[in-house]
Structure formats: C-alpha cells, structure tokens
Amino acid sequence: QVQLVESGGGLVQAGDSLRLSCVASGRTFRKYGMGWFRQAPGKEREFVAGMSWNGGHIYYPDSVQGRFTISKDDAKFTMFLQMISLKPEDTAVYYCAFDSKNVNYPQEPDYWGQGTQVTVSS
C-alpha cells in the first residue's frame, strides 16, 4: 500500500503559476508509473501529466504541453506539478496517482490522493 497526499492548490488569476506537491508514504520503495489527473465539475477525469518510475519518460496532453511540468524528488518521496500561464479552463480538482501495474505510465492507477482544488479566475 502507498498513501498519497497532495497540497499546493489555491485560487489564482489567469496567467499565474502554482506548484502542486504529492507526498508518498508507505511502500514507496516499489516502482510505479505516476502522474497527475484533474476533474472539473460535470466533466470526466482528465490526464494532465505522467512519468515513468525513473523519470526517464514524461507525457503531457496537448492541452497542457509547454505549461505544465511534472517532476519528482526521490529523496523526499515527493512528486510535483509546476503549472504556469494558468487559464480558467485549468480549474479543477487535481489528483496525483500511482500505477503499480505499469511502471512507465499511469495507465490504470490503483493509488490516488485526496485531491487539491485549483481555481483560476479570469
């Protein structure tokens, strides 16, 4: 088992930046595909960034490419999502997630954080 806790969300204006953090505890010595997802009210959950267990492969959808950056600090068991040039359409609850079955990509995560709200005003 692994537990994930996100932080760093908040209310910002369009064009601002935020950095989300996801601290992992528990069986962190295992290899996981990891990533960030978001869900806006009335919409399906959306993938926004993914990383292989060693950071060698990174993935972004077109909607955030160039604005979002995923990274991790293994020594602190922490994963980050740096977001710049935020837009109102980025408003959502953001979740970090780990996939124990696919170490290269969070295909079907089996571990999720509780989520952190990001609200971008226009």
Protein backbone atom coordinates (compact mmCIF):
# COMPACT_ATOMS: atom_id res chain seq x y z
CA GLN A 1 0.00 0.00 0.00
CA VAL A 2 1.04 3.55 -0.63
CA GLN A 3 -0.61 6.72 0.59
CA LEU A 4 -0.58 9.93 -1.43
CA VAL A 5 -1.25 13.43 -0.13
CA GLU A 6 -1.49 16.45 -2.43
CA SER A 7 -1.04 20.08 -1.50
CA GLY A 8 -0.46 23.41 -3.15
CA GLY A 9 -3.80 24.17 -4.71
CA GLY A 10 -5.49 27.51 -4.39
CA LEU A 11 -7.21 30.45 -6.03
CA VAL A 12 -5.13 32.32 -8.60
CA GLN A 13 -5.68 34.66 -11.51
CA ALA A 14 -5.27 33.78 -15.15
CA GLY A 15 -1.61 33.87 -16.09
CA ASP A 16 -0.40 32.99 -12.61
CA SER A 17 1.59 29.93 -11.59
CA LEU A 18 1.15 27.20 -8.99
CA ARG A 19 3.17 24.22 -7.90
CA LEU A 20 1.37 21.17 -6.61
CA SER A 21 3.08 18.60 -4.42
CA CYS A 22 2.28 14.95 -3.80
CA VAL A 23 3.96 13.24 -0.88
CA ALA A 24 4.06 9.44 -0.90
CA SER A 25 4.30 7.22 2.13
CA GLY A 26 4.07 3.50 2.69
CA ARG A 27 5.57 1.11 0.13
CA THR A 28 7.46 3.84 -1.67
CA PHE A 29 10.37 1.53 -2.49
CA ARG A 30 8.27 -0.08 -5.21
CA LYS A 31 8.38 1.13 -8.80
CA TYR A 32 5.31 2.96 -10.05
CA GLY A 33 4.12 4.75 -13.11
CA MET A 34 2.99 8.07 -11.71
CA GLY A 35 1.11 11.13 -12.77
CA TRP A 36 -1.40 13.89 -12.29
CA PHE A 37 -5.05 13.96 -13.26
CA ARG A 38 -7.77 16.57 -12.87
CA GLN A 39 -11.52 16.66 -12.78
CA ALA A 40 -13.68 19.71 -13.31
CA PRO A 41 -17.34 19.85 -12.22
CA GLY A 42 -19.53 17.94 -14.64
CA LYS A 43 -16.57 16.63 -16.62
CA GLU A 44 -14.69 13.35 -16.80
CA ARG A 45 -11.35 12.94 -15.15
CA GLU A 46 -8.53 14.09 -17.42
CA PHE A 47 -4.88 13.05 -17.57
CA VAL A 48 -2.53 16.05 -17.38
CA ALA A 49 0.97 14.66 -16.80
CA GLY A 50 2.68 11.31 -16.42
CA MET A 51 6.11 9.95 -15.62
CA SER A 52 7.85 6.60 -15.59
CA TRP A 53 9.22 5.30 -12.30
CA ASN A 54 12.72 6.59 -13.04
CA GLY A 55 11.65 9.84 -14.66
CA GLY A 56 13.02 8.73 -18.00
CA HIS A 57 9.71 9.05 -19.83
CA ILE A 58 7.36 12.00 -19.41
CA TYR A 59 3.99 12.56 -21.03
CA TYR A 60 1.64 15.51 -21.42
CA PRO A 61 -1.57 16.02 -23.34
CA ASP A 62 -1.69 18.87 -25.82
CA SER A 63 -3.92 20.90 -23.51
CA VAL A 64 -1.09 21.49 -21.02
CA GLN A 65 2.06 20.88 -23.08
CA GLY A 66 4.51 23.71 -22.51
CA ARG A 67 2.67 25.00 -19.45
CA PHE A 68 2.81 22.07 -17.01
CA THR A 69 5.93 20.27 -15.83
CA ILE A 70 5.99 17.07 -13.82
CA SER A 71 8.98 16.20 -11.68
CA LYS A 72 9.91 14.27 -8.55
CA ASP A 73 12.34 14.29 -5.67
CA ASP A 74 13.07 10.69 -4.76
CA ALA A 75 14.86 11.62 -1.56
CA LYS A 76 11.69 13.31 -0.30
CA PHE A 77 9.24 10.83 -1.86
CA THR A 78 7.55 13.80 -3.46
CA MET A 79 6.17 14.42 -6.93
CA PHE A 80 5.47 17.90 -8.26
CA LEU A 81 3.35 19.56 -10.91
CA GLN A 82 4.57 23.01 -11.85
CA MET A 83 1.87 24.95 -13.67
CA ILE A 84 2.45 28.26 -15.43
CA SER A 85 0.28 30.52 -17.55
CA LEU A 86 -2.80 29.15 -15.89
CA LYS A 87 -6.14 29.53 -17.63
CA PRO A 88 -9.70 29.50 -16.26
CA GLU A 89 -10.22 26.16 -18.02
CA ASP A 90 -7.49 24.68 -15.80
CA THR A 91 -9.89 24.99 -12.87
CA ALA A 92 -10.41 21.54 -11.38
CA VAL A 93 -9.57 19.22 -8.52
CA TYR A 94 -6.10 17.85 -9.17
CA TYR A 95 -5.14 14.33 -8.12
CA CYS A 96 -1.83 12.56 -8.03
CA ALA A 97 -1.85 8.86 -8.78
CA PHE A 98 0.45 5.84 -8.86
CA ASP A 99 0.11 2.73 -11.02
CA SER A 100 1.72 -0.39 -9.59
CA LYS A 101 0.99 -2.43 -12.74
CA ASN A 102 2.67 -0.15 -15.24
CA VAL A 103 5.96 1.39 -14.15
CA ASN A 104 6.30 3.50 -17.28
CA TYR A 105 2.95 5.28 -17.34
CA PRO A 106 -0.05 5.73 -15.04
CA GLN A 107 -2.33 3.70 -17.29
CA GLU A 108 -4.74 2.49 -14.61
CA PRO A 109 -3.68 3.97 -11.29
CA ASP A 110 -4.52 1.98 -8.22
CA TYR A 111 -3.43 4.61 -5.72
CA TRP A 112 -4.92 8.10 -5.57
CA GLY A 113 -4.54 11.14 -3.41
CA GLN A 114 -7.48 13.01 -1.96
CA GLY A 115 -7.18 15.89 -4.43
CA THR A 116 -6.40 19.57 -4.20
CA GLN A 117 -8.56 22.32 -5.66
CA VAL A 118 -7.14 24.69 -8.23
CA THR A 119 -9.30 27.64 -9.21
CA VAL A 120 -8.20 30.09 -11.89
CA SER A 121 -10.18 33.31 -12.16
CA SER A 122 -10.35 35.32 -15.36
